[in-house]
Amino acid sequence: MKPTYLAPSLLAADFANLERDIKMVNASDADWFHIDIMDGVFVPNISFGMPVLQAITRHATKVIDVHLMIVDPDRYIQAFADLGATHLTVHYEACTHLHRTLQAIKAAGMKAGVALNPHTPVDLLKDIINDIDIVIIMSVNPGFGGQSFIENTYKKIRALKEIIITHNAPTLIEIDGGVTDQNANKLIDCGADVLVAGSFVFKAKNPTETIAELKKLMG
C-alpha cells in the first residue's frame, strides 16, 4: 500500500486561537500542515503573509506544505525557504517560466509543486512531470474556503495518474478543496496521495476525531 497524507488547511483554523489549533494538528493523526498564501490579486481573497507563517512554523512540528496563490511567485521563493516551508507550490496559471521556477524552488531546498485551477487541463504538465514533486488539483475555485467540491476532479486525478505512471515520475497528487468523509475514499481510489481538508476539520465538533476518521477512510 502506498502512503497517503492528510493535510489540514490552516485557512479554516480559528485565527484568534491559531497556536491552539496548530498544537491540535501536531498531536493528531494528520501528516502535513497546508498553508494557503493569497495576495488579493491572483485570487480575490487575502489570507496571511510572512509574519503569520513565521509564527506558524515556530509551533508546527510537521511538514509545512505552502500553497502560493499569488502573482510573480519567483520573487518570494527564498523567503519561504527561509521561513521553513518544506514544500512550495506555485500555480501553473501564475508562472510564465514554470520549469525555471521549479528549479529555483528545488535549489532553495524545498519540494516543488504545481497547482492547477479547475479549468486547467492536466495534459499541460506532461513535458515537465518528472520535475514536479507535487501536483495540487484544485477541486474548488481558489481563493475561499468552504466551497463545494467540483465533481470533474475525479476525472482529472485519473488522467494525471496515467501521465505520472507513463513517465515513471515520483509526483504526488494532492487534492485541495471540498474534501470530506463523503469523498475521501473515492479520491484515494482514483489515485490521490494527499488530501487537504479545511472547513471539514476545523469546523467539526471534535477536529482531532475528525482527522482520525479521515485517515482511516484514506487507508
N, C-alpha and C. Protein backbone atom coordinates (compact mmCIF):
# COMPACT_ATOMS: atom_id res chain seq x y z
N MET A 1 0.83 -1.20 0.00
CA MET A 1 0.00 0.00 0.00
C MET A 1 0.87 1.26 0.00
N LYS A 2 0.57 2.18 -0.90
CA LYS A 2 1.31 3.45 -0.92
C LYS A 2 0.88 4.31 0.26
N PRO A 3 1.77 5.13 0.80
CA PRO A 3 1.37 6.02 1.90
C PRO A 3 0.45 7.13 1.39
N THR A 4 -0.51 7.52 2.20
CA THR A 4 -1.36 8.66 1.89
C THR A 4 -1.22 9.68 3.01
N TYR A 5 -1.43 10.94 2.65
CA TYR A 5 -1.17 12.02 3.60
C TYR A 5 -2.40 12.92 3.74
N LEU A 6 -2.65 13.34 4.98
CA LEU A 6 -3.73 14.27 5.26
C LEU A 6 -3.14 15.60 5.71
N ALA A 7 -3.59 16.68 5.08
CA ALA A 7 -3.03 18.00 5.35
C ALA A 7 -4.13 18.99 5.72
N PRO A 8 -4.42 19.15 7.01
CA PRO A 8 -5.40 20.16 7.42
C PRO A 8 -4.97 21.56 6.96
N SER A 9 -5.92 22.30 6.42
CA SER A 9 -5.64 23.65 5.91
C SER A 9 -5.88 24.68 6.99
N LEU A 10 -4.84 25.39 7.36
CA LEU A 10 -4.95 26.39 8.43
C LEU A 10 -5.77 27.60 8.03
N LEU A 11 -6.13 27.70 6.74
CA LEU A 11 -7.02 28.78 6.32
C LEU A 11 -8.36 28.70 7.06
N ALA A 12 -8.74 27.49 7.45
CA ALA A 12 -10.02 27.28 8.13
C ALA A 12 -9.89 27.29 9.66
N ALA A 13 -8.67 27.47 10.16
CA ALA A 13 -8.46 27.48 11.62
C ALA A 13 -9.03 28.75 12.24
N ASP A 14 -9.10 28.76 13.55
CA ASP A 14 -9.53 29.94 14.30
C ASP A 14 -8.31 30.85 14.47
N PHE A 15 -8.26 31.94 13.74
CA PHE A 15 -7.08 32.80 13.77
C PHE A 15 -6.85 33.44 15.14
N ALA A 16 -7.91 33.54 15.94
CA ALA A 16 -7.76 34.09 17.28
C ALA A 16 -7.16 33.05 18.24
N ASN A 17 -7.16 31.79 17.79
CA ASN A 17 -6.60 30.71 18.61
C ASN A 17 -5.67 29.83 17.75
N LEU A 18 -4.84 30.49 16.98
CA LEU A 18 -4.03 29.76 15.99
C LEU A 18 -3.04 28.80 16.65
N GLU A 19 -2.40 29.22 17.72
CA GLU A 19 -1.45 28.33 18.40
C GLU A 19 -2.16 27.08 18.91
N ARG A 20 -3.36 27.25 19.46
CA ARG A 20 -4.14 26.10 19.93
C ARG A 20 -4.42 25.12 18.79
N ASP A 21 -4.83 25.66 17.64
CA ASP A 21 -5.17 24.79 16.51
C ASP A 21 -3.93 24.11 15.92
N ILE A 22 -2.81 24.81 15.92
CA ILE A 22 -1.55 24.20 15.46
C ILE A 22 -1.17 23.03 16.37
N LYS A 23 -1.27 23.24 17.68
CA LYS A 23 -0.94 22.17 18.63
C LYS A 23 -1.88 20.98 18.48
N MET A 24 -3.15 21.26 18.14
CA MET A 24 -4.10 20.18 17.91
C MET A 24 -3.65 19.33 16.72
N VAL A 25 -3.25 19.99 15.63
CA VAL A 25 -2.78 19.25 14.44
C VAL A 25 -1.49 18.50 14.77
N ASN A 26 -0.59 19.13 15.52
CA ASN A 26 0.65 18.45 15.93
C ASN A 26 0.36 17.11 16.63
N ALA A 27 -0.64 17.13 17.49
CA ALA A 27 -0.95 15.95 18.32
C ALA A 27 -1.87 14.96 17.61
N SER A 28 -2.38 15.32 16.45
CA SER A 28 -3.37 14.50 15.75
C SER A 28 -2.69 13.49 14.81
N ASP A 29 -3.52 12.74 14.07
CA ASP A 29 -3.02 11.79 13.07
C ASP A 29 -2.68 12.45 11.74
N ALA A 30 -2.86 13.76 11.63
CA ALA A 30 -2.56 14.48 10.38
C ALA A 30 -1.06 14.39 10.07
N ASP A 31 -0.74 14.53 8.79
CA ASP A 31 0.65 14.39 8.36
C ASP A 31 1.33 15.72 8.05
N TRP A 32 0.59 16.64 7.44
CA TRP A 32 1.15 17.91 6.99
C TRP A 32 0.28 19.06 7.48
N PHE A 33 0.87 20.25 7.51
CA PHE A 33 0.11 21.50 7.61
C PHE A 33 0.01 22.09 6.21
N HIS A 34 -1.18 22.43 5.78
CA HIS A 34 -1.36 23.10 4.48
C HIS A 34 -1.59 24.59 4.74
N ILE A 35 -0.75 25.42 4.12
CA ILE A 35 -0.79 26.86 4.34
C ILE A 35 -1.07 27.57 3.02
N ASP A 36 -2.21 28.24 2.93
CA ASP A 36 -2.58 28.99 1.71
C ASP A 36 -2.14 30.44 1.85
N ILE A 37 -1.31 30.88 0.91
CA ILE A 37 -0.88 32.28 0.87
C ILE A 37 -1.56 32.95 -0.31
N MET A 38 -2.44 33.93 -0.04
CA MET A 38 -3.21 34.60 -1.08
C MET A 38 -2.90 36.10 -1.07
N ASP A 39 -2.84 36.68 -2.28
CA ASP A 39 -2.39 38.08 -2.38
C ASP A 39 -3.48 39.08 -2.75
N GLY A 40 -4.72 38.61 -2.98
CA GLY A 40 -5.77 39.54 -3.38
C GLY A 40 -5.66 39.98 -4.82
N VAL A 41 -4.70 39.42 -5.57
CA VAL A 41 -4.52 39.75 -6.99
C VAL A 41 -4.76 38.51 -7.84
N PHE A 42 -3.97 37.46 -7.60
CA PHE A 42 -4.18 36.20 -8.32
C PHE A 42 -5.54 35.60 -7.95
N VAL A 43 -5.90 35.71 -6.70
CA VAL A 43 -7.24 35.31 -6.21
C VAL A 43 -7.86 36.53 -5.52
N PRO A 44 -9.19 36.58 -5.39
CA PRO A 44 -9.83 37.77 -4.84
C PRO A 44 -9.67 37.95 -3.34
N ASN A 45 -9.17 36.93 -2.65
CA ASN A 45 -9.06 37.00 -1.20
C ASN A 45 -7.61 37.26 -0.78
N ILE A 46 -7.43 37.70 0.46
CA ILE A 46 -6.10 37.85 1.07
C ILE A 46 -6.10 36.98 2.32
N SER A 47 -5.10 36.11 2.47
CA SER A 47 -5.05 35.23 3.65
C SER A 47 -4.06 35.78 4.65
N PHE A 48 -2.89 35.16 4.73
CA PHE A 48 -1.87 35.67 5.65
C PHE A 48 -0.52 35.68 4.94
N GLY A 49 0.41 36.45 5.50
CA GLY A 49 1.71 36.61 4.85
C GLY A 49 2.85 36.10 5.70
N MET A 50 4.00 36.67 5.47
CA MET A 50 5.25 36.16 6.06
C MET A 50 5.25 36.13 7.60
N PRO A 51 4.83 37.18 8.30
CA PRO A 51 4.90 37.14 9.77
C PRO A 51 4.04 36.04 10.37
N VAL A 52 2.86 35.80 9.78
CA VAL A 52 1.99 34.74 10.30
C VAL A 52 2.60 33.37 10.02
N LEU A 53 3.15 33.19 8.82
CA LEU A 53 3.80 31.92 8.50
C LEU A 53 4.98 31.67 9.45
N GLN A 54 5.71 32.70 9.75
CA GLN A 54 6.83 32.58 10.69
C GLN A 54 6.34 32.12 12.06
N ALA A 55 5.20 32.65 12.49
CA ALA A 55 4.62 32.24 13.77
C ALA A 55 4.15 30.79 13.72
N ILE A 56 3.58 30.39 12.58
CA ILE A 56 3.11 29.01 12.42
C ILE A 56 4.28 28.03 12.49
N THR A 57 5.34 28.31 11.75
CA THR A 57 6.47 27.37 11.71
C THR A 57 7.21 27.30 13.06
N ARG A 58 7.02 28.31 13.90
CA ARG A 58 7.64 28.28 15.22
C ARG A 58 7.00 27.21 16.09
N HIS A 59 5.72 26.90 15.86
CA HIS A 59 4.99 25.95 16.70
C HIS A 59 4.72 24.61 16.00
N ALA A 60 4.66 24.60 14.68
CA ALA A 60 4.32 23.37 13.95
C ALA A 60 5.47 22.38 13.98
N THR A 61 5.15 21.10 14.14
CA THR A 61 6.18 20.06 14.20
C THR A 61 6.08 19.09 13.03
N LYS A 62 5.22 19.40 12.06
CA LYS A 62 5.04 18.51 10.90
C LYS A 62 5.39 19.25 9.62
N VAL A 63 5.32 18.54 8.52
CA VAL A 63 5.64 19.10 7.19
C VAL A 63 4.83 20.37 6.94
N ILE A 64 5.50 21.41 6.43
CA ILE A 64 4.85 22.68 6.10
C ILE A 64 4.66 22.74 4.59
N ASP A 65 3.42 22.55 4.17
CA ASP A 65 3.04 22.47 2.76
C ASP A 65 2.44 23.82 2.35
N VAL A 66 3.26 24.68 1.73
CA VAL A 66 2.84 26.04 1.40
C VAL A 66 2.32 26.11 -0.03
N HIS A 67 1.13 26.65 -0.19
CA HIS A 67 0.45 26.77 -1.48
C HIS A 67 0.32 28.26 -1.79
N LEU A 68 1.10 28.73 -2.78
CA LEU A 68 1.08 30.14 -3.15
C LEU A 68 -0.01 30.40 -4.19
N MET A 69 -0.98 31.24 -3.84
CA MET A 69 -1.98 31.72 -4.79
C MET A 69 -1.68 33.20 -5.01
N ILE A 70 -0.53 33.46 -5.65
CA ILE A 70 -0.04 34.82 -5.81
C ILE A 70 0.55 35.01 -7.21
N VAL A 71 0.59 36.25 -7.65
CA VAL A 71 1.28 36.58 -8.89
C VAL A 71 2.78 36.68 -8.61
N ASP A 72 3.58 36.43 -9.63
CA ASP A 72 5.04 36.57 -9.55
C ASP A 72 5.64 35.85 -8.33
N PRO A 73 5.37 34.55 -8.19
CA PRO A 73 5.86 33.82 -7.01
C PRO A 73 7.38 33.74 -6.93
N ASP A 74 8.06 33.88 -8.07
CA ASP A 74 9.53 33.76 -8.09
C ASP A 74 10.20 34.74 -7.13
N ARG A 75 9.58 35.89 -6.92
CA ARG A 75 10.16 36.91 -6.04
C ARG A 75 10.31 36.43 -4.61
N TYR A 76 9.52 35.43 -4.22
CA TYR A 76 9.43 35.07 -2.80
C TYR A 76 9.96 33.67 -2.47
N ILE A 77 10.53 32.98 -3.45
CA ILE A 77 10.94 31.60 -3.23
C ILE A 77 11.91 31.46 -2.07
N GLN A 78 12.97 32.25 -2.05
CA GLN A 78 13.96 32.15 -0.99
C GLN A 78 13.38 32.55 0.36
N ALA A 79 12.48 33.52 0.35
CA ALA A 79 11.86 33.97 1.60
C ALA A 79 11.07 32.83 2.25
N PHE A 80 10.33 32.06 1.44
CA PHE A 80 9.56 30.95 2.00
C PHE A 80 10.47 29.82 2.48
N ALA A 81 11.56 29.61 1.78
CA ALA A 81 12.54 28.62 2.25
C ALA A 81 13.10 29.04 3.60
N ASP A 82 13.43 30.32 3.74
CA ASP A 82 13.99 30.83 4.99
C ASP A 82 12.99 30.73 6.15
N LEU A 83 11.69 30.79 5.82
CA LEU A 83 10.65 30.72 6.85
C LEU A 83 10.31 29.29 7.26
N GLY A 84 10.91 28.31 6.57
CA GLY A 84 10.74 26.93 7.00
C GLY A 84 9.77 26.10 6.18
N ALA A 85 9.37 26.56 4.99
CA ALA A 85 8.48 25.77 4.15
C ALA A 85 9.19 24.48 3.72
N THR A 86 8.49 23.36 3.81
CA THR A 86 9.01 22.07 3.35
C THR A 86 8.72 21.89 1.86
N HIS A 87 7.49 22.23 1.49
CA HIS A 87 7.05 22.18 0.10
C HIS A 87 6.61 23.59 -0.31
N LEU A 88 6.85 23.94 -1.56
CA LEU A 88 6.36 25.21 -2.09
C LEU A 88 5.67 24.95 -3.43
N THR A 89 4.37 25.23 -3.46
CA THR A 89 3.59 25.00 -4.68
C THR A 89 3.17 26.33 -5.28
N VAL A 90 3.41 26.46 -6.58
CA VAL A 90 3.02 27.66 -7.34
C VAL A 90 1.92 27.28 -8.32
N HIS A 91 1.17 28.25 -8.78
CA HIS A 91 0.12 27.97 -9.75
C HIS A 91 0.67 28.00 -11.17
N TYR A 92 0.28 27.00 -11.94
CA TYR A 92 0.62 26.96 -13.37
C TYR A 92 0.23 28.28 -14.03
N GLU A 93 -0.95 28.78 -13.66
CA GLU A 93 -1.50 29.97 -14.32
C GLU A 93 -0.74 31.25 -13.95
N ALA A 94 0.11 31.19 -12.92
CA ALA A 94 0.83 32.39 -12.46
C ALA A 94 2.28 32.42 -12.90
N CYS A 95 2.73 31.37 -13.61
CA CYS A 95 4.16 31.23 -13.93
C CYS A 95 4.40 31.25 -15.44
N THR A 96 5.12 32.25 -15.89
CA THR A 96 5.48 32.34 -17.31
C THR A 96 6.55 31.33 -17.67
N HIS A 97 7.50 31.13 -16.77
CA HIS A 97 8.62 30.19 -16.99
C HIS A 97 8.58 29.14 -15.89
N LEU A 98 7.64 28.23 -16.00
CA LEU A 98 7.36 27.29 -14.91
C LEU A 98 8.55 26.38 -14.60
N HIS A 99 9.23 25.88 -15.62
CA HIS A 99 10.36 24.99 -15.40
C HIS A 99 11.44 25.69 -14.56
N ARG A 100 11.71 26.93 -14.91
CA ARG A 100 12.73 27.70 -14.18
C ARG A 100 12.30 27.92 -12.72
N THR A 101 11.02 28.18 -12.52
CA THR A 101 10.50 28.38 -11.16
C THR A 101 10.68 27.12 -10.32
N LEU A 102 10.36 25.96 -10.92
CA LEU A 102 10.50 24.69 -10.20
C LEU A 102 11.96 24.44 -9.81
N GLN A 103 12.86 24.72 -10.73
CA GLN A 103 14.28 24.53 -10.44
C GLN A 103 14.75 25.45 -9.30
N ALA A 104 14.22 26.67 -9.28
CA ALA A 104 14.60 27.62 -8.22
C ALA A 104 14.08 27.15 -6.86
N ILE A 105 12.87 26.58 -6.83
CA ILE A 105 12.31 26.06 -5.57
C ILE A 105 13.18 24.93 -5.04
N LYS A 106 13.58 24.02 -5.93
CA LYS A 106 14.42 22.90 -5.51
C LYS A 106 15.80 23.37 -5.07
N ALA A 107 16.33 24.35 -5.77
CA ALA A 107 17.64 24.88 -5.40
C ALA A 107 17.62 25.52 -4.01
N ALA A 108 16.44 26.00 -3.61
CA ALA A 108 16.29 26.61 -2.28
C ALA A 108 16.05 25.56 -1.20
N GLY A 109 16.03 24.27 -1.58
CA GLY A 109 15.94 23.18 -0.61
C GLY A 109 14.55 22.69 -0.29
N MET A 110 13.56 23.06 -1.14
CA MET A 110 12.18 22.64 -0.89
C MET A 110 11.71 21.68 -1.99
N LYS A 111 10.66 20.91 -1.69
CA LYS A 111 9.97 20.15 -2.71
C LYS A 111 9.16 21.13 -3.55
N ALA A 112 9.08 20.87 -4.87
CA ALA A 112 8.44 21.82 -5.79
C ALA A 112 7.10 21.30 -6.27
N GLY A 113 6.07 22.13 -6.11
CA GLY A 113 4.72 21.75 -6.53
C GLY A 113 4.14 22.69 -7.55
N VAL A 114 3.17 22.16 -8.31
CA VAL A 114 2.40 22.96 -9.27
C VAL A 114 0.93 22.75 -8.99
N ALA A 115 0.18 23.85 -8.88
CA ALA A 115 -1.27 23.77 -8.68
C ALA A 115 -1.99 24.11 -9.98
N LEU A 116 -3.10 23.40 -10.21
CA LEU A 116 -3.92 23.63 -11.41
C LEU A 116 -5.31 24.06 -10.99
N ASN A 117 -5.77 25.17 -11.56
CA ASN A 117 -7.15 25.61 -11.34
C ASN A 117 -8.12 24.63 -11.99
N PRO A 118 -9.40 24.65 -11.60
CA PRO A 118 -10.36 23.69 -12.14
C PRO A 118 -10.44 23.66 -13.67
N HIS A 119 -10.19 24.80 -14.33
CA HIS A 119 -10.32 24.84 -15.79
C HIS A 119 -9.04 24.43 -16.52
N THR A 120 -7.95 24.21 -15.80
CA THR A 120 -6.65 23.94 -16.43
C THR A 120 -6.44 22.44 -16.60
N PRO A 121 -6.23 21.97 -17.86
CA PRO A 121 -6.07 20.53 -18.08
C PRO A 121 -4.73 19.99 -17.58
N VAL A 122 -4.75 18.76 -17.12
CA VAL A 122 -3.53 18.14 -16.58
C VAL A 122 -2.51 17.85 -17.68
N ASP A 123 -2.95 17.72 -18.92
CA ASP A 123 -2.04 17.42 -20.04
C ASP A 123 -0.93 18.46 -20.18
N LEU A 124 -1.17 19.66 -19.70
CA LEU A 124 -0.17 20.73 -19.82
C LEU A 124 1.09 20.44 -19.02
N LEU A 125 1.03 19.45 -18.13
CA LEU A 125 2.20 19.13 -17.29
C LEU A 125 3.03 17.98 -17.84
N LYS A 126 2.61 17.40 -18.95
CA LYS A 126 3.30 16.20 -19.48
C LYS A 126 4.80 16.41 -19.64
N ASP A 127 5.18 17.53 -20.22
CA ASP A 127 6.59 17.74 -20.57
C ASP A 127 7.49 17.99 -19.36
N ILE A 128 6.91 18.32 -18.21
CA ILE A 128 7.74 18.61 -17.04
C ILE A 128 7.36 17.77 -15.83
N ILE A 129 6.59 16.72 -16.03
CA ILE A 129 6.07 15.96 -14.88
C ILE A 129 7.20 15.40 -14.01
N ASN A 130 8.33 15.05 -14.63
CA ASN A 130 9.45 14.49 -13.85
C ASN A 130 10.18 15.53 -13.01
N ASP A 131 9.86 16.81 -13.24
CA ASP A 131 10.45 17.89 -12.45
C ASP A 131 9.54 18.34 -11.31
N ILE A 132 8.35 17.73 -11.22
CA ILE A 132 7.35 18.16 -10.24
C ILE A 132 7.23 17.13 -9.12
N ASP A 133 7.38 17.57 -7.89
CA ASP A 133 7.22 16.68 -6.74
C ASP A 133 5.76 16.48 -6.35
N ILE A 134 4.98 17.54 -6.50
CA ILE A 134 3.57 17.51 -6.09
C ILE A 134 2.74 18.27 -7.12
N VAL A 135 1.59 17.71 -7.51
CA VAL A 135 0.61 18.48 -8.28
C VAL A 135 -0.63 18.64 -7.41
N ILE A 136 -1.02 19.89 -7.18
CA ILE A 136 -2.28 20.16 -6.47
C ILE A 136 -3.37 20.36 -7.52
N ILE A 137 -4.35 19.48 -7.49
CA ILE A 137 -5.54 19.67 -8.32
C ILE A 137 -6.56 20.42 -7.48
N MET A 138 -6.91 21.62 -7.92
CA MET A 138 -7.91 22.40 -7.21
C MET A 138 -9.29 21.82 -7.49
N SER A 139 -9.94 21.36 -6.44
CA SER A 139 -11.28 20.78 -6.58
C SER A 139 -12.37 21.79 -6.21
N VAL A 140 -11.93 23.05 -6.01
CA VAL A 140 -12.82 24.21 -5.89
C VAL A 140 -12.08 25.36 -6.60
N ASN A 141 -12.74 26.47 -6.82
CA ASN A 141 -12.05 27.63 -7.36
C ASN A 141 -11.20 28.26 -6.26
N PRO A 142 -9.95 28.58 -6.54
CA PRO A 142 -9.06 29.05 -5.48
C PRO A 142 -9.46 30.41 -4.94
N GLY A 143 -9.21 30.60 -3.63
CA GLY A 143 -9.41 31.91 -3.05
C GLY A 143 -10.29 31.95 -1.83
N PHE A 144 -11.15 30.96 -1.64
CA PHE A 144 -12.06 30.96 -0.50
C PHE A 144 -12.23 29.55 0.05
N GLY A 145 -12.35 29.43 1.36
CA GLY A 145 -12.65 28.15 1.98
C GLY A 145 -14.14 27.87 1.94
N GLY A 146 -14.51 26.63 2.23
CA GLY A 146 -15.91 26.27 2.39
C GLY A 146 -16.71 26.07 1.12
N GLN A 147 -16.05 25.95 -0.05
CA GLN A 147 -16.77 25.77 -1.31
C GLN A 147 -17.14 24.30 -1.53
N SER A 148 -18.08 24.09 -2.45
CA SER A 148 -18.49 22.73 -2.80
C SER A 148 -17.50 22.10 -3.76
N PHE A 149 -17.33 20.82 -3.60
CA PHE A 149 -16.40 20.01 -4.40
C PHE A 149 -16.85 19.95 -5.87
N ILE A 150 -15.91 20.09 -6.80
CA ILE A 150 -16.19 20.00 -8.23
C ILE A 150 -16.02 18.55 -8.69
N GLU A 151 -17.08 17.95 -9.20
CA GLU A 151 -17.10 16.52 -9.50
C GLU A 151 -16.11 16.11 -10.60
N ASN A 152 -15.78 17.01 -11.51
CA ASN A 152 -14.84 16.69 -12.60
C ASN A 152 -13.45 16.35 -12.07
N THR A 153 -13.22 16.64 -10.80
CA THR A 153 -11.91 16.37 -10.18
C THR A 153 -11.51 14.91 -10.30
N TYR A 154 -12.44 14.00 -10.14
CA TYR A 154 -12.13 12.56 -10.21
C TYR A 154 -11.49 12.21 -11.56
N LYS A 155 -12.07 12.76 -12.63
CA LYS A 155 -11.56 12.51 -13.99
C LYS A 155 -10.14 13.07 -14.15
N LYS A 156 -9.91 14.24 -13.58
CA LYS A 156 -8.58 14.86 -13.67
C LYS A 156 -7.53 14.05 -12.91
N ILE A 157 -7.92 13.52 -11.75
CA ILE A 157 -6.97 12.69 -10.97
C ILE A 157 -6.55 11.47 -11.79
N ARG A 158 -7.52 10.79 -12.38
CA ARG A 158 -7.21 9.58 -13.17
C ARG A 158 -6.30 9.92 -14.34
N ALA A 159 -6.58 11.03 -15.02
CA ALA A 159 -5.77 11.44 -16.18
C ALA A 159 -4.35 11.79 -15.75
N LEU A 160 -4.22 12.48 -14.63
CA LEU A 160 -2.89 12.85 -14.13
C LEU A 160 -2.13 11.61 -13.69
N LYS A 161 -2.81 10.67 -13.03
CA LYS A 161 -2.16 9.44 -12.59
C LYS A 161 -1.58 8.68 -13.77
N GLU A 162 -2.32 8.67 -14.87
CA GLU A 162 -1.84 8.00 -16.07
C GLU A 162 -0.56 8.63 -16.60
N ILE A 163 -0.52 9.96 -16.58
CA ILE A 163 0.69 10.68 -17.03
C ILE A 163 1.87 10.34 -16.12
N ILE A 164 1.64 10.33 -14.82
CA ILE A 164 2.71 10.02 -13.84
C ILE A 164 3.25 8.62 -14.06
N ILE A 165 2.35 7.65 -14.23
CA ILE A 165 2.77 6.26 -14.44
C ILE A 165 3.52 6.11 -15.76
N THR A 166 3.00 6.72 -16.82
CA THR A 166 3.63 6.65 -18.15
C THR A 166 5.05 7.17 -18.13
N HIS A 167 5.28 8.25 -17.37
CA HIS A 167 6.60 8.88 -17.33
C HIS A 167 7.44 8.39 -16.14
N ASN A 168 6.91 7.41 -15.41
CA ASN A 168 7.63 6.87 -14.24
C ASN A 168 8.09 7.99 -13.31
N ALA A 169 7.19 8.94 -13.07
CA ALA A 169 7.51 10.11 -12.25
C ALA A 169 7.18 9.84 -10.78
N PRO A 170 7.89 10.49 -9.87
CA PRO A 170 7.65 10.30 -8.43
C PRO A 170 6.57 11.23 -7.89
N THR A 171 5.89 11.96 -8.75
CA THR A 171 4.97 13.03 -8.38
C THR A 171 3.80 12.56 -7.52
N LEU A 172 3.51 13.31 -6.46
CA LEU A 172 2.33 13.06 -5.63
C LEU A 172 1.17 13.91 -6.13
N ILE A 173 -0.04 13.36 -6.04
CA ILE A 173 -1.25 14.10 -6.40
C ILE A 173 -1.94 14.56 -5.12
N GLU A 174 -2.13 15.87 -5.01
CA GLU A 174 -2.75 16.47 -3.82
C GLU A 174 -4.08 17.12 -4.23
N ILE A 175 -5.11 16.91 -3.45
CA ILE A 175 -6.43 17.46 -3.74
C ILE A 175 -6.77 18.53 -2.72
N ASP A 176 -7.15 19.70 -3.22
CA ASP A 176 -7.40 20.85 -2.36
C ASP A 176 -8.78 21.44 -2.63
N GLY A 177 -9.69 21.26 -1.64
CA GLY A 177 -11.00 21.90 -1.73
C GLY A 177 -12.16 20.94 -1.63
N GLY A 178 -13.01 21.16 -0.65
CA GLY A 178 -14.24 20.39 -0.53
C GLY A 178 -14.06 18.94 -0.12
N VAL A 179 -12.93 18.60 0.49
CA VAL A 179 -12.67 17.23 0.93
C VAL A 179 -13.44 16.95 2.22
N THR A 180 -14.18 15.83 2.24
CA THR A 180 -14.95 15.42 3.41
C THR A 180 -14.88 13.91 3.55
N ASP A 181 -15.57 13.39 4.56
CA ASP A 181 -15.63 11.93 4.71
C ASP A 181 -16.48 11.28 3.61
N GLN A 182 -17.20 12.08 2.84
CA GLN A 182 -18.04 11.55 1.77
C GLN A 182 -17.26 11.27 0.48
N ASN A 183 -16.13 11.94 0.29
CA ASN A 183 -15.38 11.74 -0.96
C ASN A 183 -13.93 11.31 -0.76
N ALA A 184 -13.44 11.28 0.48
CA ALA A 184 -12.03 10.97 0.75
C ALA A 184 -11.61 9.63 0.16
N ASN A 185 -12.41 8.61 0.41
CA ASN A 185 -12.06 7.26 -0.06
C ASN A 185 -12.01 7.18 -1.57
N LYS A 186 -12.99 7.80 -2.24
CA LYS A 186 -13.03 7.78 -3.71
C LYS A 186 -11.85 8.53 -4.31
N LEU A 187 -11.46 9.64 -3.69
CA LEU A 187 -10.31 10.41 -4.17
C LEU A 187 -9.03 9.57 -4.13
N ILE A 188 -8.85 8.85 -3.04
CA ILE A 188 -7.67 7.98 -2.91
C ILE A 188 -7.75 6.85 -3.94
N ASP A 189 -8.93 6.27 -4.12
CA ASP A 189 -9.11 5.19 -5.10
C ASP A 189 -8.79 5.65 -6.52
N CYS A 190 -9.07 6.92 -6.81
CA CYS A 190 -8.79 7.46 -8.15
C CYS A 190 -7.30 7.72 -8.38
N GLY A 191 -6.53 7.80 -7.27
CA GLY A 191 -5.09 8.00 -7.42
C GLY A 191 -4.50 9.13 -6.62
N ALA A 192 -5.31 9.79 -5.80
CA ALA A 192 -4.78 10.89 -4.97
C ALA A 192 -3.87 10.34 -3.88
N ASP A 193 -2.85 11.12 -3.53
CA ASP A 193 -1.90 10.74 -2.47
C ASP A 193 -2.04 11.62 -1.23
N VAL A 194 -2.52 12.84 -1.43
CA VAL A 194 -2.62 13.82 -0.35
C VAL A 194 -3.99 14.49 -0.41
N LEU A 195 -4.66 14.58 0.73
CA LEU A 195 -5.93 15.29 0.80
C LEU A 195 -5.79 16.49 1.74
N VAL A 196 -6.18 17.65 1.24
CA VAL A 196 -6.23 18.86 2.05
C VAL A 196 -7.66 19.00 2.58
N ALA A 197 -7.80 19.16 3.87
CA ALA A 197 -9.13 19.33 4.47
C ALA A 197 -9.11 20.55 5.37
N GLY A 198 -10.00 21.51 5.09
CA GLY A 198 -10.04 22.74 5.86
C GLY A 198 -11.25 22.82 6.76
N SER A 199 -12.34 23.31 6.19
CA SER A 199 -13.57 23.51 6.97
C SER A 199 -14.06 22.22 7.61
N PHE A 200 -13.93 21.10 6.89
CA PHE A 200 -14.44 19.83 7.41
C PHE A 200 -13.75 19.45 8.72
N VAL A 201 -12.48 19.80 8.83
CA VAL A 201 -11.72 19.51 10.06
C VAL A 201 -11.98 20.56 11.13
N PHE A 202 -11.73 21.82 10.80
CA PHE A 202 -11.71 22.86 11.83
C PHE A 202 -13.10 23.31 12.28
N LYS A 203 -14.12 23.04 11.48
CA LYS A 203 -15.49 23.38 11.90
C LYS A 203 -16.17 22.19 12.59
N ALA A 204 -15.47 21.08 12.69
CA ALA A 204 -16.04 19.89 13.34
C ALA A 204 -16.13 20.09 14.85
N LYS A 205 -17.03 19.36 15.47
CA LYS A 205 -17.19 19.42 16.93
C LYS A 205 -15.92 18.95 17.62
N ASN A 206 -15.31 17.88 17.05
CA ASN A 206 -14.05 17.36 17.59
C ASN A 206 -13.05 17.18 16.44
N PRO A 207 -12.26 18.20 16.13
CA PRO A 207 -11.33 18.13 15.00
C PRO A 207 -10.36 16.95 15.06
N THR A 208 -9.88 16.62 16.24
CA THR A 208 -8.93 15.51 16.38
C THR A 208 -9.57 14.20 15.95
N GLU A 209 -10.79 13.95 16.37
CA GLU A 209 -11.50 12.74 15.97
C GLU A 209 -11.80 12.74 14.48
N THR A 210 -12.17 13.91 13.96
CA THR A 210 -12.47 14.03 12.53
C THR A 210 -11.24 13.69 11.69
N ILE A 211 -10.07 14.17 12.12
CA ILE A 211 -8.82 13.85 11.44
C ILE A 211 -8.57 12.34 11.48
N ALA A 212 -8.76 11.74 12.63
CA ALA A 212 -8.54 10.29 12.79
C ALA A 212 -9.48 9.50 11.88
N GLU A 213 -10.72 9.93 11.78
CA GLU A 213 -11.70 9.24 10.93
C GLU A 213 -11.34 9.37 9.45
N LEU A 214 -10.91 10.57 9.05
CA LEU A 214 -10.49 10.78 7.66
C LEU A 214 -9.30 9.88 7.31
N LYS A 215 -8.33 9.83 8.21
CA LYS A 215 -7.14 9.00 7.97
C LYS A 215 -7.53 7.52 7.80
N LYS A 216 -8.48 7.06 8.58
CA LYS A 216 -8.94 5.67 8.45
C LYS A 216 -9.57 5.45 7.08
N LEU A 217 -10.39 6.40 6.63
CA LEU A 217 -11.03 6.28 5.33
C LEU A 217 -10.01 6.27 4.19
N MET A 218 -8.91 6.97 4.39
CA MET A 218 -7.86 7.07 3.36
C MET A 218 -7.05 5.79 3.25
N GLY A 219 -7.18 4.90 4.22
CA GLY A 219 -6.49 3.60 4.14
C GLY A 219 -5.07 3.64 4.64
